[in-house]
Amino acid sequence: MKRQRYGILKTPAVLFNFLILPALIAAAWYVATATGAMSTLILPRLGTVFQTFIQQITSGVLPGDLAVSLSRIVKGYSLAVIFGILLGVIMGMNTVANRFFILTFTAIRQIPMIAWVPILIIWFGIGEESKVAVIFLASFFPVLVNTISGIERTDRKLVEVGKMYHLNGWQQFVKIYLPSALPSIFVGLKLGLSVSWMAVVGAEMIAATSGIGFRINDARSLMQYPVVFSGIIAIAVVGVVMDQIISLISKLCTPWERER
């Protein structure tokens, strides 16, 4: 039972359940192209995409593109985590700070990310800075909102007990607020990482000369659709891996959640 909760060592039955839908999608893809129900100009054959995927890996093109995109994510996402958690804790624990920031942050959060891209390009150009800024804006708000939510959901009785024991602000945060808020914070981290992955691909498709998003857009313009689907599959695989890494870290940092 504990093996399944950790999500690392799955039983064959559990793994089978996870693989049913991907297998059905692959089968439907194969049948659609093999029978001519779907034109290969629109949907390349599964075997062609697989061969292209392997070729892109062995040639170093796909790993290079992914490395460029992931390096941008590391920069933007790291900044978003630092500032998102810091401001989230301050806004969650301090009502005055919450009122000061909340209206402006809420307004900015409503603006679609795609609307920021032209502005950020004007401000930072088409270099690395604009990509990092896009990733930061995309992932900052999920981290911020979930951190605030986790802090605000802390049991008020525990807070009162902390005051009775004359705990200062830092001690209250470490011993009371943080353990209570960690599950919610990790939800924000997972959402922020997912959004940052989508944001960097979108930004690279609009204005970039490198990265997986650029490769997909460039292949589309050249009608190299197997390359496009190879890039999409790579994005999906890397996204799942990143999500699982965050989930594992979350379980290791919140062992009490597994007992519920």
Foldseek 3Di string as FASTA:
>chain_A
DVVVVLVPDDDPVVVCVVCPVVVVVLVVQQVCDVVVVDDCLVPNHPVLLVVVLVVCVVVPNLVFQAVVLVVLLCLLLVVLLVVLLVLLLCLLVDVVSVVVCVVVLVVLLPDDLVVCQVVLCVVPNLDSRSLSVSLNSQLNVLLNVLSSVQQNPFPVVVVVVCVVVVPDPVRCCVPTRCLSSLVSNLVSSLNSSLRSLVRSLVSCCVGHDGHLNVQLNVCVVVSVVSSNVSSVVVSVVVSVVVNSVSSSVSCVVNVVVSVD
